[in-house]
Amino acid sequence: MIRITVNRDEEGRIAGIRVRGHADYGEYGQDIVCAAVSGITIGLTNASESLLGVRLFREEDNTDGELDLRVPAGLSSETDGRVRFLLEAMQSSLRSIADEYKDYVQMDEHS
């Protein structure tokens, strides 16, 4: 099962998203649930880096089946808002998958 944890700060803004596990919906290379989750997380993580110049994870922390994204400290107010908007878009897209494939994706939110 893929487990997604969304952490929010005291203002209700996304501070980080952790994705771990495998859906096991289909055979390796044909698992549409894993592909969807990977496409969303990698796509929006790459968008943050390529469009905003903000890296959300450290390369050495990325292991097979796990991605731990965090909003870095010290961003300008404008850039911080844009990064958090991308993370809200990620959360919304992942929520849709979790709602549709409940037996394969679990999503929790914490403040």
N, C-alpha and C. Protein backbone atom coordinates (compact mmCIF):
# COMPACT_ATOMS: atom_id res chain seq x y z
N MET A 1 0.84 -1.18 0.00
CA MET A 1 0.00 0.00 0.00
C MET A 1 0.89 1.24 0.00
N ILE A 2 0.45 2.26 -0.72
CA ILE A 2 1.13 3.56 -0.69
C ILE A 2 0.54 4.34 0.47
N ARG A 3 1.41 4.88 1.31
CA ARG A 3 0.97 5.71 2.44
C ARG A 3 1.47 7.13 2.21
N ILE A 4 0.53 8.06 2.22
CA ILE A 4 0.85 9.47 2.00
C ILE A 4 0.51 10.22 3.28
N THR A 5 1.48 10.99 3.77
CA THR A 5 1.26 11.81 4.95
C THR A 5 1.49 13.26 4.57
N VAL A 6 0.48 14.08 4.82
CA VAL A 6 0.58 15.52 4.57
C VAL A 6 0.70 16.20 5.92
N ASN A 7 1.78 16.95 6.11
CA ASN A 7 2.00 17.69 7.35
C ASN A 7 1.75 19.17 7.10
N ARG A 8 0.95 19.75 7.97
CA ARG A 8 0.62 21.17 7.87
C ARG A 8 1.19 21.92 9.06
N ASP A 9 1.53 23.18 8.83
CA ASP A 9 2.05 24.00 9.92
C ASP A 9 0.88 24.58 10.72
N GLU A 10 1.21 25.40 11.72
CA GLU A 10 0.18 25.96 12.60
C GLU A 10 -0.79 26.90 11.88
N GLU A 11 -0.41 27.34 10.68
CA GLU A 11 -1.29 28.20 9.88
C GLU A 11 -2.12 27.40 8.88
N GLY A 12 -1.97 26.08 8.91
CA GLY A 12 -2.73 25.22 8.01
C GLY A 12 -2.10 25.05 6.63
N ARG A 13 -0.90 25.59 6.45
CA ARG A 13 -0.21 25.46 5.16
C ARG A 13 0.58 24.16 5.12
N ILE A 14 0.69 23.58 3.95
CA ILE A 14 1.46 22.35 3.82
C ILE A 14 2.93 22.66 4.11
N ALA A 15 3.49 21.89 5.04
CA ALA A 15 4.91 22.01 5.38
C ALA A 15 5.70 20.89 4.71
N GLY A 16 5.05 19.77 4.44
CA GLY A 16 5.73 18.65 3.82
C GLY A 16 4.76 17.54 3.45
N ILE A 17 5.20 16.71 2.54
CA ILE A 17 4.43 15.54 2.10
C ILE A 17 5.40 14.36 2.04
N ARG A 18 5.00 13.26 2.67
CA ARG A 18 5.81 12.04 2.63
C ARG A 18 5.00 10.96 1.92
N VAL A 19 5.63 10.31 0.96
CA VAL A 19 5.01 9.23 0.20
C VAL A 19 5.92 8.01 0.34
N ARG A 20 5.33 6.89 0.75
CA ARG A 20 6.15 5.68 0.89
C ARG A 20 5.32 4.46 0.54
N GLY A 21 6.02 3.44 0.09
CA GLY A 21 5.38 2.17 -0.23
C GLY A 21 5.07 2.00 -1.70
N HIS A 22 4.46 0.87 -1.99
CA HIS A 22 4.05 0.52 -3.36
C HIS A 22 2.60 0.08 -3.32
N ALA A 23 1.87 0.40 -4.36
CA ALA A 23 0.44 0.09 -4.40
C ALA A 23 0.17 -1.40 -4.53
N ASP A 24 0.96 -2.09 -5.31
CA ASP A 24 0.73 -3.50 -5.62
C ASP A 24 -0.64 -3.71 -6.28
N TYR A 25 -1.05 -2.74 -7.05
CA TYR A 25 -2.30 -2.83 -7.81
C TYR A 25 -2.14 -3.75 -9.01
N GLY A 26 -0.96 -3.69 -9.62
CA GLY A 26 -0.68 -4.51 -10.79
C GLY A 26 0.76 -4.96 -10.77
N GLU A 27 1.14 -5.69 -11.80
CA GLU A 27 2.51 -6.17 -11.91
C GLU A 27 3.47 -5.00 -12.05
N TYR A 28 4.72 -5.22 -11.60
CA TYR A 28 5.75 -4.21 -11.73
C TYR A 28 5.83 -3.74 -13.18
N GLY A 29 5.82 -2.45 -13.37
CA GLY A 29 5.88 -1.86 -14.71
C GLY A 29 4.51 -1.66 -15.33
N GLN A 30 3.45 -2.22 -14.70
CA GLN A 30 2.11 -2.07 -15.23
C GLN A 30 1.13 -1.62 -14.15
N ASP A 31 1.65 -1.14 -13.04
CA ASP A 31 0.82 -0.72 -11.91
C ASP A 31 0.38 0.73 -12.13
N ILE A 32 -0.87 0.91 -12.56
CA ILE A 32 -1.35 2.25 -12.90
C ILE A 32 -1.49 3.15 -11.67
N VAL A 33 -1.71 2.56 -10.50
CA VAL A 33 -1.83 3.38 -9.29
C VAL A 33 -0.46 3.94 -8.91
N CYS A 34 0.56 3.09 -8.90
CA CYS A 34 1.93 3.55 -8.63
C CYS A 34 2.35 4.59 -9.68
N ALA A 35 2.02 4.34 -10.92
CA ALA A 35 2.39 5.26 -11.99
C ALA A 35 1.73 6.62 -11.80
N ALA A 36 0.47 6.63 -11.39
CA ALA A 36 -0.23 7.89 -11.17
C ALA A 36 0.39 8.67 -10.01
N VAL A 37 0.62 7.98 -8.89
CA VAL A 37 1.21 8.65 -7.73
C VAL A 37 2.61 9.15 -8.06
N SER A 38 3.40 8.34 -8.73
CA SER A 38 4.75 8.75 -9.11
C SER A 38 4.73 9.93 -10.06
N GLY A 39 3.85 9.89 -11.04
CA GLY A 39 3.76 10.99 -12.00
C GLY A 39 3.42 12.31 -11.34
N ILE A 40 2.48 12.27 -10.42
CA ILE A 40 2.08 13.49 -9.72
C ILE A 40 3.21 14.00 -8.83
N THR A 41 3.77 13.13 -8.01
CA THR A 41 4.79 13.59 -7.06
C THR A 41 6.07 14.03 -7.77
N ILE A 42 6.52 13.25 -8.73
CA ILE A 42 7.75 13.61 -9.43
C ILE A 42 7.53 14.84 -10.31
N GLY A 43 6.39 14.90 -10.98
CA GLY A 43 6.09 16.04 -11.85
C GLY A 43 6.06 17.36 -11.10
N LEU A 44 5.36 17.39 -9.97
CA LEU A 44 5.26 18.64 -9.23
C LEU A 44 6.54 18.96 -8.46
N THR A 45 7.27 17.94 -8.04
CA THR A 45 8.58 18.17 -7.42
C THR A 45 9.54 18.76 -8.44
N ASN A 46 9.55 18.20 -9.64
CA ASN A 46 10.40 18.75 -10.71
C ASN A 46 9.97 20.15 -11.11
N ALA A 47 8.66 20.43 -11.11
CA ALA A 47 8.18 21.77 -11.43
C ALA A 47 8.69 22.79 -10.43
N SER A 48 8.70 22.42 -9.16
CA SER A 48 9.22 23.32 -8.14
C SER A 48 10.68 23.66 -8.41
N GLU A 49 11.44 22.64 -8.77
CA GLU A 49 12.86 22.86 -9.01
C GLU A 49 13.12 23.62 -10.32
N SER A 50 12.45 23.22 -11.39
CA SER A 50 12.75 23.84 -12.69
C SER A 50 12.11 25.22 -12.85
N LEU A 51 10.93 25.43 -12.30
CA LEU A 51 10.25 26.71 -12.47
C LEU A 51 10.60 27.72 -11.38
N LEU A 52 10.82 27.22 -10.16
CA LEU A 52 11.04 28.13 -9.03
C LEU A 52 12.46 28.06 -8.47
N GLY A 53 13.22 27.06 -8.89
CA GLY A 53 14.57 26.89 -8.37
C GLY A 53 14.60 26.40 -6.93
N VAL A 54 13.52 25.72 -6.51
CA VAL A 54 13.41 25.26 -5.13
C VAL A 54 13.40 23.74 -5.10
N ARG A 55 14.39 23.17 -4.44
CA ARG A 55 14.46 21.72 -4.25
C ARG A 55 13.68 21.36 -2.99
N LEU A 56 12.75 20.42 -3.11
CA LEU A 56 11.89 20.03 -2.00
C LEU A 56 12.39 18.81 -1.26
N PHE A 57 13.41 18.14 -1.78
CA PHE A 57 13.94 16.95 -1.11
C PHE A 57 15.44 16.92 -1.31
N ARG A 58 16.10 16.16 -0.45
CA ARG A 58 17.53 15.96 -0.60
C ARG A 58 17.74 14.64 -1.33
N GLU A 59 18.59 14.66 -2.32
CA GLU A 59 18.85 13.48 -3.16
C GLU A 59 19.18 12.24 -2.32
N GLU A 60 19.98 12.41 -1.28
CA GLU A 60 20.39 11.26 -0.48
C GLU A 60 19.25 10.69 0.37
N ASP A 61 18.17 11.45 0.56
CA ASP A 61 17.04 10.96 1.35
C ASP A 61 16.05 10.14 0.53
N ASN A 62 16.16 10.19 -0.77
CA ASN A 62 15.22 9.50 -1.65
C ASN A 62 15.61 8.04 -1.79
N THR A 63 14.79 7.16 -1.23
CA THR A 63 15.03 5.73 -1.36
C THR A 63 13.91 5.12 -2.19
N ASP A 64 14.09 3.89 -2.59
CA ASP A 64 13.09 3.21 -3.39
C ASP A 64 11.74 3.20 -2.68
N GLY A 65 10.73 3.73 -3.34
CA GLY A 65 9.39 3.72 -2.78
C GLY A 65 9.15 4.75 -1.70
N GLU A 66 10.04 5.74 -1.57
CA GLU A 66 9.84 6.75 -0.54
C GLU A 66 10.30 8.11 -1.04
N LEU A 67 9.48 9.11 -0.77
CA LEU A 67 9.81 10.49 -1.12
C LEU A 67 9.35 11.37 0.03
N ASP A 68 10.26 12.15 0.57
CA ASP A 68 9.96 13.02 1.71
C ASP A 68 10.20 14.46 1.28
N LEU A 69 9.13 15.19 1.03
CA LEU A 69 9.20 16.57 0.54
C LEU A 69 8.98 17.54 1.68
N ARG A 70 9.78 18.60 1.70
CA ARG A 70 9.63 19.62 2.73
C ARG A 70 9.84 21.00 2.12
N VAL A 71 9.07 21.95 2.59
CA VAL A 71 9.25 23.34 2.17
C VAL A 71 10.49 23.87 2.89
N PRO A 72 11.51 24.29 2.14
CA PRO A 72 12.72 24.78 2.80
C PRO A 72 12.49 26.14 3.46
N ALA A 73 13.26 26.40 4.50
CA ALA A 73 13.19 27.68 5.18
C ALA A 73 13.93 28.74 4.36
N GLY A 74 13.61 29.99 4.61
CA GLY A 74 14.35 31.09 4.01
C GLY A 74 13.91 31.52 2.64
N LEU A 75 12.77 31.04 2.18
CA LEU A 75 12.27 31.45 0.86
C LEU A 75 11.62 32.82 0.96
N SER A 76 11.64 33.56 -0.13
CA SER A 76 10.90 34.82 -0.15
C SER A 76 9.42 34.50 0.00
N SER A 77 8.65 35.46 0.42
CA SER A 77 7.21 35.25 0.62
C SER A 77 6.54 34.81 -0.68
N GLU A 78 6.93 35.42 -1.79
CA GLU A 78 6.34 35.07 -3.09
C GLU A 78 6.69 33.64 -3.50
N THR A 79 7.96 33.27 -3.38
CA THR A 79 8.38 31.92 -3.74
C THR A 79 7.76 30.89 -2.81
N ASP A 80 7.72 31.18 -1.52
CA ASP A 80 7.10 30.28 -0.55
C ASP A 80 5.64 30.02 -0.93
N GLY A 81 4.93 31.05 -1.30
CA GLY A 81 3.53 30.89 -1.71
C GLY A 81 3.38 30.03 -2.95
N ARG A 82 4.28 30.20 -3.89
CA ARG A 82 4.22 29.40 -5.11
C ARG A 82 4.54 27.93 -4.84
N VAL A 83 5.55 27.69 -4.00
CA VAL A 83 5.90 26.31 -3.66
C VAL A 83 4.72 25.64 -2.95
N ARG A 84 4.12 26.34 -2.01
CA ARG A 84 3.00 25.76 -1.27
C ARG A 84 1.78 25.54 -2.18
N PHE A 85 1.61 26.40 -3.19
CA PHE A 85 0.54 26.19 -4.17
C PHE A 85 0.77 24.88 -4.93
N LEU A 86 2.00 24.63 -5.35
CA LEU A 86 2.32 23.37 -6.03
C LEU A 86 2.05 22.18 -5.12
N LEU A 87 2.40 22.31 -3.84
CA LEU A 87 2.15 21.21 -2.90
C LEU A 87 0.65 21.01 -2.66
N GLU A 88 -0.12 22.08 -2.65
CA GLU A 88 -1.59 21.94 -2.52
C GLU A 88 -2.15 21.24 -3.74
N ALA A 89 -1.62 21.56 -4.92
CA ALA A 89 -2.06 20.87 -6.15
C ALA A 89 -1.70 19.39 -6.07
N MET A 90 -0.50 19.09 -5.56
CA MET A 90 -0.09 17.71 -5.39
C MET A 90 -1.03 16.99 -4.42
N GLN A 91 -1.31 17.61 -3.29
CA GLN A 91 -2.19 17.01 -2.28
C GLN A 91 -3.57 16.74 -2.87
N SER A 92 -4.10 17.68 -3.60
CA SER A 92 -5.43 17.52 -4.20
C SER A 92 -5.46 16.37 -5.20
N SER A 93 -4.45 16.26 -6.02
CA SER A 93 -4.37 15.19 -7.01
C SER A 93 -4.20 13.83 -6.34
N LEU A 94 -3.33 13.78 -5.32
CA LEU A 94 -3.13 12.53 -4.59
C LEU A 94 -4.38 12.13 -3.82
N ARG A 95 -5.12 13.10 -3.30
CA ARG A 95 -6.38 12.81 -2.60
C ARG A 95 -7.36 12.13 -3.55
N SER A 96 -7.42 12.59 -4.78
CA SER A 96 -8.32 11.98 -5.77
C SER A 96 -7.98 10.51 -5.99
N ILE A 97 -6.70 10.22 -6.08
CA ILE A 97 -6.28 8.82 -6.27
C ILE A 97 -6.58 8.01 -5.02
N ALA A 98 -6.29 8.56 -3.84
CA ALA A 98 -6.55 7.85 -2.58
C ALA A 98 -8.04 7.56 -2.43
N ASP A 99 -8.90 8.48 -2.84
CA ASP A 99 -10.34 8.27 -2.74
C ASP A 99 -10.82 7.19 -3.71
N GLU A 100 -10.21 7.15 -4.87
CA GLU A 100 -10.61 6.19 -5.90
C GLU A 100 -10.05 4.78 -5.65
N TYR A 101 -8.86 4.69 -5.08
CA TYR A 101 -8.18 3.41 -4.88
C TYR A 101 -7.87 3.20 -3.40
N LYS A 102 -8.90 3.19 -2.57
CA LYS A 102 -8.77 3.10 -1.12
C LYS A 102 -7.99 1.88 -0.63
N ASP A 103 -8.06 0.79 -1.36
CA ASP A 103 -7.35 -0.43 -0.95
C ASP A 103 -5.86 -0.38 -1.27
N TYR A 104 -5.43 0.65 -1.99
CA TYR A 104 -4.05 0.71 -2.45
C TYR A 104 -3.31 1.98 -2.02
N VAL A 105 -4.07 3.01 -1.66
CA VAL A 105 -3.47 4.30 -1.27
C VAL A 105 -4.19 4.81 -0.02
N GLN A 106 -3.40 5.12 0.99
CA GLN A 106 -3.94 5.70 2.23
C GLN A 106 -3.33 7.08 2.40
N MET A 107 -4.17 8.06 2.72
CA MET A 107 -3.69 9.43 2.89
C MET A 107 -4.13 9.97 4.23
N ASP A 108 -3.17 10.53 4.99
CA ASP A 108 -3.45 11.14 6.29
C ASP A 108 -2.92 12.55 6.29
N GLU A 109 -3.61 13.43 7.02
CA GLU A 109 -3.15 14.81 7.18
C GLU A 109 -2.98 15.12 8.65
N HIS A 110 -1.88 15.81 8.96
CA HIS A 110 -1.57 16.17 10.35
C HIS A 110 -1.24 17.64 10.43
N SER A 111 -1.65 18.25 11.52
CA SER A 111 -1.29 19.66 11.77
C SER A 111 -0.21 19.73 12.80
